[in-house]
Structure formats: C-alpha cells, structure tokens
Amino acid sequence: MLRGALEQFGLDEETYAPQLSLLNRFGQAKEVAQATLWLASDLSSYVTGTTIHANAGYTSR
C-alpha cells in the first residue's frame, strides 16, 4: 500500500524513507515477523506488559 501511495504522490522510497525511519529505509515484512516470532518463543518468557516497536524508530521522532 505504501509503495502505491508513494507512486501516486510522485515520491520514491529513497527520498521518503528517511522521513519515517531512523534507519533511512523501509522495513521488510521479515523484520516484523522476526520480532513476532521472538515474542512467541521461549526466549521472551520473562517479558511482560511491554510494547515492542518494530518500526525503525518512527515512534522515537
């Protein structure tokens, strides 16, 4: 959806991504999935009551 919106407004990823991401790129679905898998695994067994922002720092701006 984002790519379609960028095309509609005549923007490209390289120009627009730094405005949304501290990593200066858009995330991949795999990166969000990895955070989800970690939360569902035993590796996160001591984690409770928190929010994990898998958004490359968007909420930190």
N, C-alpha and C. Protein backbone atom coordinates (compact mmCIF):
# COMPACT_ATOMS: atom_id res chain seq x y z
N MET A 1 0.82 -1.18 0.00
CA MET A 1 0.00 0.00 0.00
C MET A 1 0.87 1.25 0.00
N LEU A 2 1.94 1.21 0.78
CA LEU A 2 2.81 2.38 0.86
C LEU A 2 3.45 2.68 -0.49
N ARG A 3 3.91 1.66 -1.16
CA ARG A 3 4.52 1.89 -2.48
C ARG A 3 3.52 2.52 -3.44
N GLY A 4 2.28 2.06 -3.40
CA GLY A 4 1.24 2.64 -4.26
C GLY A 4 1.00 4.10 -3.94
N ALA A 5 0.97 4.42 -2.65
CA ALA A 5 0.77 5.82 -2.24
C ALA A 5 1.95 6.68 -2.67
N LEU A 6 3.16 6.17 -2.53
CA LEU A 6 4.33 6.93 -2.96
C LEU A 6 4.27 7.22 -4.45
N GLU A 7 3.90 6.22 -5.24
CA GLU A 7 3.78 6.42 -6.68
C GLU A 7 2.71 7.45 -7.01
N GLN A 8 1.61 7.40 -6.29
CA GLN A 8 0.50 8.32 -6.53
C GLN A 8 0.94 9.77 -6.29
N PHE A 9 1.79 9.99 -5.30
CA PHE A 9 2.23 11.35 -4.97
C PHE A 9 3.57 11.71 -5.62
N GLY A 10 4.08 10.81 -6.46
CA GLY A 10 5.32 11.10 -7.17
C GLY A 10 6.56 11.08 -6.30
N LEU A 11 6.55 10.26 -5.26
CA LEU A 11 7.69 10.15 -4.35
C LEU A 11 8.39 8.81 -4.57
N ASP A 12 9.64 8.72 -4.13
CA ASP A 12 10.33 7.44 -4.18
C ASP A 12 10.80 7.06 -2.78
N GLU A 13 11.10 5.78 -2.61
CA GLU A 13 11.47 5.26 -1.29
C GLU A 13 12.71 5.93 -0.73
N GLU A 14 13.72 6.14 -1.57
CA GLU A 14 14.99 6.70 -1.10
C GLU A 14 14.81 8.11 -0.54
N THR A 15 13.87 8.86 -1.10
CA THR A 15 13.62 10.22 -0.64
C THR A 15 12.73 10.24 0.59
N TYR A 16 11.72 9.39 0.61
CA TYR A 16 10.71 9.44 1.66
C TYR A 16 11.05 8.63 2.90
N ALA A 17 11.75 7.53 2.75
CA ALA A 17 12.04 6.64 3.89
C ALA A 17 12.75 7.36 5.04
N PRO A 18 13.73 8.23 4.78
CA PRO A 18 14.40 8.90 5.91
C PRO A 18 13.46 9.76 6.75
N GLN A 19 12.34 10.15 6.21
CA GLN A 19 11.37 10.93 6.98
C GLN A 19 10.60 10.07 7.97
N LEU A 20 10.55 8.77 7.71
CA LEU A 20 9.80 7.85 8.57
C LEU A 20 10.68 6.96 9.43
N SER A 21 11.92 6.77 9.05
CA SER A 21 12.76 5.76 9.67
C SER A 21 14.12 6.32 10.07
N LEU A 22 14.53 6.03 11.28
CA LEU A 22 15.87 6.42 11.71
C LEU A 22 16.95 5.60 11.00
N LEU A 23 16.55 4.49 10.39
CA LEU A 23 17.48 3.64 9.64
C LEU A 23 17.53 4.03 8.17
N ASN A 24 16.75 5.05 7.79
CA ASN A 24 16.72 5.59 6.42
C ASN A 24 16.28 4.57 5.36
N ARG A 25 15.43 3.65 5.76
CA ARG A 25 14.89 2.68 4.80
C ARG A 25 13.59 2.14 5.35
N PHE A 26 12.79 1.57 4.46
CA PHE A 26 11.57 0.91 4.89
C PHE A 26 11.91 -0.49 5.37
N GLY A 27 11.15 -0.97 6.32
CA GLY A 27 11.37 -2.30 6.84
C GLY A 27 10.83 -3.37 5.91
N GLN A 28 11.31 -4.55 6.12
CA GLN A 28 10.85 -5.71 5.38
C GLN A 28 9.87 -6.49 6.27
N ALA A 29 8.92 -7.15 5.65
CA ALA A 29 7.95 -7.96 6.41
C ALA A 29 8.68 -8.96 7.30
N LYS A 30 9.79 -9.49 6.81
CA LYS A 30 10.57 -10.48 7.56
C LYS A 30 11.06 -9.89 8.90
N GLU A 31 11.40 -8.61 8.91
CA GLU A 31 11.90 -7.99 10.13
C GLU A 31 10.82 -7.88 11.19
N VAL A 32 9.62 -7.56 10.79
CA VAL A 32 8.50 -7.51 11.74
C VAL A 32 8.14 -8.92 12.19
N ALA A 33 8.18 -9.87 11.28
CA ALA A 33 7.90 -11.26 11.62
C ALA A 33 8.90 -11.79 12.65
N GLN A 34 10.16 -11.40 12.53
CA GLN A 34 11.17 -11.87 13.48
C GLN A 34 10.86 -11.39 14.89
N ALA A 35 10.39 -10.15 15.03
CA ALA A 35 10.01 -9.66 16.35
C ALA A 35 8.82 -10.44 16.90
N THR A 36 7.88 -10.74 16.05
CA THR A 36 6.70 -11.51 16.44
C THR A 36 7.09 -12.92 16.86
N LEU A 37 7.96 -13.54 16.09
CA LEU A 37 8.41 -14.89 16.44
C LEU A 37 9.17 -14.91 17.75
N TRP A 38 9.98 -13.89 18.00
CA TRP A 38 10.70 -13.82 19.27
C TRP A 38 9.73 -13.72 20.44
N LEU A 39 8.70 -12.88 20.29
CA LEU A 39 7.71 -12.76 21.36
C LEU A 39 6.97 -14.07 21.60
N ALA A 40 6.77 -14.84 20.55
CA ALA A 40 6.06 -16.11 20.68
C ALA A 40 6.96 -17.26 21.15
N SER A 41 8.26 -16.99 21.26
CA SER A 41 9.20 -18.05 21.62
C SER A 41 9.50 -18.04 23.12
N ASP A 42 10.17 -19.08 23.55
CA ASP A 42 10.61 -19.17 24.95
C ASP A 42 11.68 -18.12 25.28
N LEU A 43 12.32 -17.56 24.27
CA LEU A 43 13.35 -16.55 24.51
C LEU A 43 12.78 -15.29 25.16
N SER A 44 11.49 -15.08 25.02
CA SER A 44 10.86 -13.89 25.61
C SER A 44 10.02 -14.24 26.84
N SER A 45 10.31 -15.37 27.45
CA SER A 45 9.47 -15.86 28.55
C SER A 45 9.41 -14.94 29.76
N TYR A 46 10.37 -14.04 29.92
CA TYR A 46 10.38 -13.15 31.08
C TYR A 46 9.86 -11.76 30.72
N VAL A 47 9.41 -11.57 29.50
CA VAL A 47 8.90 -10.29 29.03
C VAL A 47 7.40 -10.23 29.27
N THR A 48 6.95 -9.19 29.98
CA THR A 48 5.52 -8.99 30.22
C THR A 48 5.19 -7.51 30.14
N GLY A 49 3.99 -7.20 29.73
CA GLY A 49 3.46 -5.85 29.79
C GLY A 49 4.27 -4.79 29.09
N THR A 50 4.74 -5.05 27.91
CA THR A 50 5.51 -4.05 27.19
C THR A 50 5.09 -4.02 25.74
N THR A 51 5.46 -2.96 25.07
CA THR A 51 5.21 -2.83 23.64
C THR A 51 6.54 -2.84 22.92
N ILE A 52 6.65 -3.64 21.91
CA ILE A 52 7.86 -3.66 21.10
C ILE A 52 7.55 -2.96 19.80
N HIS A 53 8.26 -1.88 19.55
CA HIS A 53 8.05 -1.09 18.34
C HIS A 53 9.03 -1.56 17.27
N ALA A 54 8.55 -2.34 16.34
CA ALA A 54 9.37 -2.79 15.21
C ALA A 54 9.13 -1.83 14.05
N ASN A 55 9.61 -0.57 14.23
CA ASN A 55 9.31 0.46 13.25
C ASN A 55 10.51 1.35 12.93
N ALA A 56 11.71 0.88 13.17
CA ALA A 56 12.94 1.61 12.83
C ALA A 56 13.00 2.99 13.44
N GLY A 57 12.40 3.15 14.59
CA GLY A 57 12.50 4.42 15.30
C GLY A 57 11.43 5.45 14.97
N TYR A 58 10.41 5.06 14.21
CA TYR A 58 9.36 6.01 13.82
C TYR A 58 8.73 6.66 15.04
N THR A 59 8.44 5.90 16.09
CA THR A 59 7.80 6.46 17.27
C THR A 59 8.77 7.25 18.15
N SER A 60 10.05 7.22 17.83
CA SER A 60 11.05 7.97 18.60
C SER A 60 11.22 9.40 18.10
N ARG A 61 10.68 9.70 16.96
CA ARG A 61 10.84 11.04 16.38
C ARG A 61 9.97 12.04 17.06
